[in-house]
Structures are given as C-alpha cells and as structure tokens.
N, C-alpha and C. Protein backbone atom coordinates (compact mmCIF):
# COMPACT_ATOMS: atom_id res chain seq x y z
N MET A 1 17.65 3.72 -9.13
CA MET A 1 17.29 2.63 -7.70
C MET A 1 16.87 3.67 -7.24
N ALA A 2 15.75 2.86 -7.08
CA ALA A 2 14.03 4.08 -6.00
C ALA A 2 14.65 4.09 -4.44
N ARG A 3 15.01 5.50 -3.54
CA ARG A 3 15.17 6.17 -2.43
C ARG A 3 14.24 5.18 -1.21
N THR A 4 14.67 5.06 -0.59
CA THR A 4 14.09 3.66 0.31
C THR A 4 14.07 4.11 1.62
N GLN A 5 13.17 3.66 2.33
CA GLN A 5 13.05 3.72 4.00
C GLN A 5 12.34 2.96 5.12
N LYS A 6 12.44 2.04 6.26
CA LYS A 6 12.22 1.37 7.05
C LYS A 6 10.31 2.39 7.64
N ILE A 7 9.40 2.06 8.32
CA ILE A 7 8.87 3.27 8.55
C ILE A 7 8.70 3.66 10.39
N THR A 8 9.16 3.89 10.32
CA THR A 8 9.64 4.12 11.81
C THR A 8 7.79 4.38 12.73
N GLN A 9 8.27 4.00 14.07
CA GLN A 9 6.69 3.93 14.65
C GLN A 9 7.02 5.15 15.16
N TYR A 10 7.26 6.20 15.54
CA TYR A 10 6.86 7.59 15.78
C TYR A 10 5.87 8.06 14.07
N GLN A 11 7.32 7.70 12.88
CA GLN A 11 6.13 8.01 11.92
C GLN A 11 4.22 7.49 11.76
N VAL A 12 4.08 6.29 11.97
CA VAL A 12 3.01 5.43 11.67
C VAL A 12 2.29 6.94 13.64
N THR A 13 2.02 7.28 14.28
CA THR A 13 1.73 7.82 15.36
C THR A 13 1.55 8.83 14.65
N GLU A 14 2.96 9.55 14.12
CA GLU A 14 2.64 10.69 14.03
C GLU A 14 1.15 10.98 12.16
N TRP A 15 1.11 10.43 11.76
CA TRP A 15 0.19 10.77 10.48
C TRP A 15 -1.05 9.59 11.14
N LYS A 16 -0.94 8.68 12.37
CA LYS A 16 -2.36 9.19 12.68
C LYS A 16 -2.47 10.28 13.86
N ASN A 17 -2.08 10.79 14.27
CA ASN A 17 -2.54 12.35 14.36
C ASN A 17 -2.90 13.38 14.51
N THR A 18 -2.23 13.75 12.86
CA THR A 18 -2.40 14.72 12.31
C THR A 18 -3.34 14.19 11.48
N LEU A 19 -4.24 12.80 10.59
CA LEU A 19 -5.46 12.07 10.11
C LEU A 19 -6.04 13.05 10.97
N GLU A 20 -6.81 12.51 12.62
CA GLU A 20 -7.68 12.90 13.58
C GLU A 20 -7.82 14.47 13.83
N GLN A 21 -6.95 14.56 13.54
CA GLN A 21 -6.94 16.29 14.24
C GLN A 21 -7.68 16.78 12.70
N MET A 22 -7.15 16.90 11.54
CA MET A 22 -7.66 17.29 10.17
C MET A 22 -9.35 16.73 10.12
N LEU A 23 -9.48 15.39 10.48
CA LEU A 23 -10.83 14.93 10.83
C LEU A 23 -12.02 15.31 11.08
N GLU A 24 -11.68 15.60 12.61
CA GLU A 24 -11.88 16.56 13.57
C GLU A 24 -12.04 18.09 13.00
N GLU A 25 -10.78 18.69 12.20
CA GLU A 25 -11.17 20.25 11.86
C GLU A 25 -12.59 20.24 11.32
N GLY A 26 -12.85 18.83 10.18
CA GLY A 26 -13.48 19.20 9.18
C GLY A 26 -13.73 20.10 8.14
N ASN A 27 -13.92 21.31 7.93
CA ASN A 27 -14.16 22.06 6.71
C ASN A 27 -13.37 23.13 7.45
N PHE A 28 -12.81 23.10 8.43
CA PHE A 28 -12.45 25.05 8.77
C PHE A 28 -11.16 25.05 8.96
N ARG A 29 -10.96 26.03 9.58
CA ARG A 29 -9.52 26.04 9.96
C ARG A 29 -9.10 26.90 10.87
N GLN A 30 -8.28 26.79 11.86
CA GLN A 30 -8.01 26.90 13.51
C GLN A 30 -8.65 27.20 14.02
N ASP A 31 -8.85 28.64 13.47
CA ASP A 31 -9.86 29.98 14.55
C ASP A 31 -11.00 29.71 13.78
N GLY A 32 -11.92 28.58 13.13
CA GLY A 32 -12.71 28.87 13.42
C GLY A 32 -13.62 28.71 12.27
N ARG A 33 -13.17 29.59 11.08
CA ARG A 33 -13.39 30.64 9.72
C ARG A 33 -13.85 28.96 8.22
N LEU A 34 -14.71 28.98 8.27
CA LEU A 34 -15.06 28.12 6.87
C LEU A 34 -13.74 28.14 5.88
N LEU A 35 -13.29 27.01 5.58
CA LEU A 35 -11.96 26.80 4.52
C LEU A 35 -13.00 27.52 3.08
N SER A 36 -12.32 27.59 2.43
CA SER A 36 -12.75 28.18 0.32
C SER A 36 -12.79 26.66 0.32
N PRO A 37 -13.94 26.58 -0.88
CA PRO A 37 -13.66 25.67 -1.86
C PRO A 37 -11.95 24.59 -2.49
N ALA A 38 -11.06 26.56 -2.39
CA ALA A 38 -10.11 25.24 -2.55
C ALA A 38 -8.63 24.58 -1.33
N GLY A 39 -9.12 25.49 -0.36
CA GLY A 39 -9.42 24.57 0.67
C GLY A 39 -9.63 23.65 1.70
N ILE A 40 -10.63 23.11 1.71
CA ILE A 40 -11.09 22.06 1.50
C ILE A 40 -11.09 20.94 0.42
N ALA A 41 -11.05 21.10 -0.97
CA ALA A 41 -10.22 20.27 -2.20
C ALA A 41 -8.48 19.62 -1.80
N GLU A 42 -8.00 20.92 -0.59
CA GLU A 42 -7.07 20.78 -0.44
C GLU A 42 -6.79 19.26 0.53
N ARG A 43 -7.56 20.35 1.85
CA ARG A 43 -7.67 19.70 2.78
C ARG A 43 -7.94 17.57 2.33
N LYS A 44 -9.08 18.04 1.34
CA LYS A 44 -9.30 16.62 1.14
C LYS A 44 -8.63 15.99 -0.04
N GLN A 45 -7.07 16.16 0.21
CA GLN A 45 -6.72 15.63 -0.55
C GLN A 45 -5.39 14.67 0.40
N GLU A 46 -5.13 16.08 1.22
CA GLU A 46 -4.60 15.59 2.63
C GLU A 46 -4.89 14.23 3.27
N ILE A 47 -6.33 14.45 3.64
CA ILE A 47 -6.50 13.20 4.19
C ILE A 47 -6.63 11.75 3.37
N ALA A 48 -6.80 12.32 2.41
CA ALA A 48 -6.61 10.96 1.41
C ALA A 48 -4.98 10.19 1.24
N MET A 49 -4.31 11.70 0.88
CA MET A 49 -2.54 10.75 1.09
C MET A 49 -2.70 9.76 2.86
N LEU A 50 -3.21 10.73 3.63
CA LEU A 50 -3.18 10.15 5.17
C LEU A 50 -3.22 8.84 5.60
N ARG A 51 -4.41 8.65 4.92
CA ARG A 51 -5.02 7.75 4.78
C ARG A 51 -4.66 5.93 4.23
N GLY A 52 -3.62 6.50 2.89
CA GLY A 52 -2.70 5.82 2.14
C GLY A 52 -1.40 5.32 3.46
N LEU A 53 -1.64 6.79 3.95
CA LEU A 53 0.10 6.43 4.84
C LEU A 53 -0.34 5.45 5.87
N ASN A 54 -1.74 5.46 6.33
CA ASN A 54 -2.21 4.56 7.49
C ASN A 54 -2.53 3.81 7.72
N THR A 55 -1.99 2.73 6.25
CA THR A 55 -2.10 1.26 5.83
C THR A 55 -0.97 1.39 5.65
N LEU A 56 0.64 1.38 5.75
CA LEU A 56 1.70 1.30 6.34
C LEU A 56 2.12 0.82 7.72
N ARG A 57 1.84 0.64 7.69
CA ARG A 57 3.00 -0.60 9.19
C ARG A 57 4.11 -0.35 9.27
N VAL A 58 4.84 -1.28 10.42
CA VAL A 58 6.36 0.06 11.60
C VAL A 58 6.90 -1.35 10.85
N GLY A 59 8.44 -0.20 10.22
CA GLY A 59 9.82 -2.04 9.75
C GLY A 59 8.90 -1.72 8.30
N GLN A 60 8.01 -1.73 7.01
CA GLN A 60 7.48 -1.46 5.81
C GLN A 60 8.68 -1.05 5.28
N VAL A 61 8.89 -1.26 3.86
CA VAL A 61 10.42 -0.51 2.90
C VAL A 61 9.30 -0.25 2.42
N VAL A 62 9.45 1.60 2.06
CA VAL A 62 8.71 2.36 1.19
C VAL A 62 9.61 3.26 0.48
N ASP A 63 9.34 3.52 -0.96
CA ASP A 63 9.94 4.00 -2.00
C ASP A 63 9.32 5.62 -1.74
N LEU A 64 10.56 6.43 -0.69
CA LEU A 64 10.27 7.22 -0.59
C LEU A 64 9.73 8.40 -1.36
N ASP A 65 9.58 8.13 -2.81
CA ASP A 65 9.35 9.14 -4.00
C ASP A 65 7.87 8.82 -4.37
N THR A 66 7.52 7.63 -3.89
CA THR A 66 5.69 7.42 -4.60
C THR A 66 5.77 6.75 -2.98
N VAL A 67 5.74 6.68 -2.07
CA VAL A 67 4.96 6.26 -0.73
C VAL A 67 4.69 5.60 -0.70
N GLN A 68 5.24 5.00 -1.61
CA GLN A 68 3.89 2.94 -1.81
C GLN A 68 5.13 2.46 -0.94
N PRO A 69 4.80 1.32 -0.25
CA PRO A 69 5.71 -0.10 0.06
C PRO A 69 6.11 -0.80 -1.38
N ILE A 70 7.53 -1.53 -1.01
CA ILE A 70 7.97 -1.55 -1.70
C ILE A 70 8.01 -3.54 -1.00
N TYR A 71 7.87 -4.47 -1.94
CA TYR A 71 8.04 -6.04 -1.43
C TYR A 71 8.84 -6.39 -1.77
N LYS A 72 9.31 -7.40 -1.69
CA LYS A 72 10.62 -8.19 -1.90
C LYS A 72 10.22 -9.74 -2.31
N HIS A 73 10.24 -10.09 -3.26
CA HIS A 73 10.14 -10.86 -4.87
C HIS A 73 11.49 -11.96 -4.16
N PRO A 74 10.45 -13.58 -3.83
CA PRO A 74 11.47 -14.30 -4.12
C PRO A 74 12.51 -14.46 -4.85
N LYS A 75 13.43 -15.13 -4.62
CA LYS A 75 14.10 -14.83 -5.50
C LYS A 75 13.83 -16.50 -5.77
N GLU A 76 14.01 -16.22 -7.02
CA GLU A 76 13.64 -17.26 -8.68
C GLU A 76 14.85 -18.42 -8.78
N ASP A 77 14.75 -18.89 -9.24
CA ASP A 77 16.13 -20.85 -9.29
C ASP A 77 16.33 -20.69 -10.85
C-alpha cells in the first residue's frame, strides 16, 4: 500500500516560494559566486522537481514515495 498524503496550502506556498527563489538565483550561489557545472545540473534537477510539485493542488492526494497524484477510479458495478 502506498503512503499517501493530502497536499496542504502550506506545502503549495512553500514549493512556489522555493521555486521563485531558485529561479531568481539562477546559476549562482547565495553569496554571488557561480555554481560548478555539477551544481548547475543539480539546480536544474531541483527546479524540474519543484515545477512538478507546483502542478499539484491543495487537497489532492499524492503518493509520498513517487510524489505523483493518486486518482481515485470510479467503482465498477
């Protein structure tokens, strides 16, 4: 059985704020120095993950292991 959780408003707000901050920082560290190529690749991966999280909505149920929405299928008669 998958571990599930309903998305909260706090989570949605936190993901949005983190994504905005990472996009503003670009390929730079907080102290203004340029990231290494490995750091840039990691930042791009984190941004992609945050963009995926930002498609989730408050009240939506997700699988915590894959962070994918769980859609309830209508019961078959």
